[in-house]
C-alpha atoms as a PDB file:
ATOM      1  CA  MET A   1       9.957   1.940 -22.896  1.00  0.00           C
ATOM      2  CA  PHE A   2      11.936   4.224 -20.627  1.00  0.00           C
ATOM      3  CA  SER A   3       8.947   5.182 -18.499  1.00  0.00           C
ATOM      4  CA  LEU A   4       7.992   1.459 -18.197  1.00  0.00           C
ATOM      5  CA  ALA A   5      11.516   0.570 -17.002  1.00  0.00           C
ATOM      6  CA  VAL A   6      11.399   3.371 -14.375  1.00  0.00           C
ATOM      7  CA  LEU A   7       7.927   2.125 -13.313  1.00  0.00           C
ATOM      8  CA  VAL A   8       9.094  -1.508 -13.022  1.00  0.00           C
ATOM      9  CA  ARG A   9      12.199  -0.349 -11.080  1.00  0.00           C
ATOM     10  CA  GLY A  10      10.157   1.771  -8.724  1.00  0.00           C
ATOM     11  CA  PHE A  11       7.705  -1.139  -8.143  1.00  0.00           C
ATOM     12  CA  TRP A  12      10.562  -3.587  -7.611  1.00  0.00           C
ATOM     13  CA  ASN A  13      12.256  -1.304  -5.108  1.00  0.00           C
ATOM     14  CA  ASP A  14       8.971  -0.893  -3.190  1.00  0.00           C
ATOM     15  CA  PHE A  15       8.418  -4.642  -3.244  1.00  0.00           C
ATOM     16  CA  LEU A  16      11.938  -5.404  -1.924  1.00  0.00           C
ATOM     17  CA  TYR A  17      11.570  -2.720   0.757  1.00  0.00           C
ATOM     18  CA  PHE A  18       8.243  -4.218   1.914  1.00  0.00           C
ATOM     19  CA  TYR A  19       9.608  -7.705   1.763  1.00  0.00           C
ATOM     20  CA  ARG A  20      12.703  -6.831   3.813  1.00  0.00           C
ATOM     21  CA  ALA A  21      10.632  -4.894   6.372  1.00  0.00           C
ATOM     22  CA  LYS A  22       8.251  -7.837   6.725  1.00  0.00           C
ATOM     23  CA  PHE A  23      11.121 -10.265   6.973  1.00  0.00           C
ATOM     24  CA  ALA A  24      12.847  -8.213   9.578  1.00  0.00           C
ATOM     25  CA  ILE A  25       9.677  -8.097  11.746  1.00  0.00           C
ATOM     26  CA  VAL A  26       9.364 -11.912  11.529  1.00  0.00           C
ATOM     27  CA  VAL A  27      13.021 -12.396  12.353  1.00  0.00           C
ATOM     28  CA  VAL A  28      12.864 -10.061  15.361  1.00  0.00           C
ATOM     29  CA  ASN A  29       9.674 -11.655  16.599  1.00  0.00           C
ATOM     30  CA  GLY A  30      11.191 -15.195  15.981  1.00  0.00           C
ATOM     31  CA  ILE A  31      14.360 -14.287  17.985  1.00  0.00           C
ATOM     32  CA  SER A  32      12.900 -12.160  20.802  1.00  0.00           C
ATOM     33  CA  MET A  33       9.752 -14.230  21.636  1.00  0.00           C
ATOM     34  CA  PRO A  34      11.464 -17.630  22.307  1.00  0.00           C
ATOM     35  CA  PHE A  35      14.194 -15.869  24.213  1.00  0.00           C
ATOM     36  CA  PHE A  36      11.687 -13.897  26.246  1.00  0.00           C
ATOM     37  CA  ASN A  37       9.760 -17.124  26.982  1.00  0.00           C
ATOM     38  CA  ASN A  38      12.852 -19.078  27.955  1.00  0.00           C
ATOM     39  CA  SER A  39      13.957 -16.333  30.347  1.00  0.00           C
ATOM     40  CA  ILE A  40      10.585 -16.473  32.067  1.00  0.00           C
ATOM     41  CA  ALA A  41      10.552 -20.305  32.296  1.00  0.00           C
ATOM     42  CA  SER A  42      14.043 -20.674  33.592  1.00  0.00           C
END
């Protein structure tokens, strides 16, 4: 039971870390690309 809880917690931490990293990449791309395109167009 204890080892299962540790395993689940480790998996959950890895999942959250991966999800936050992926979300951060999407946010950075979403913010920087339109700004970059608008600066070129104007």
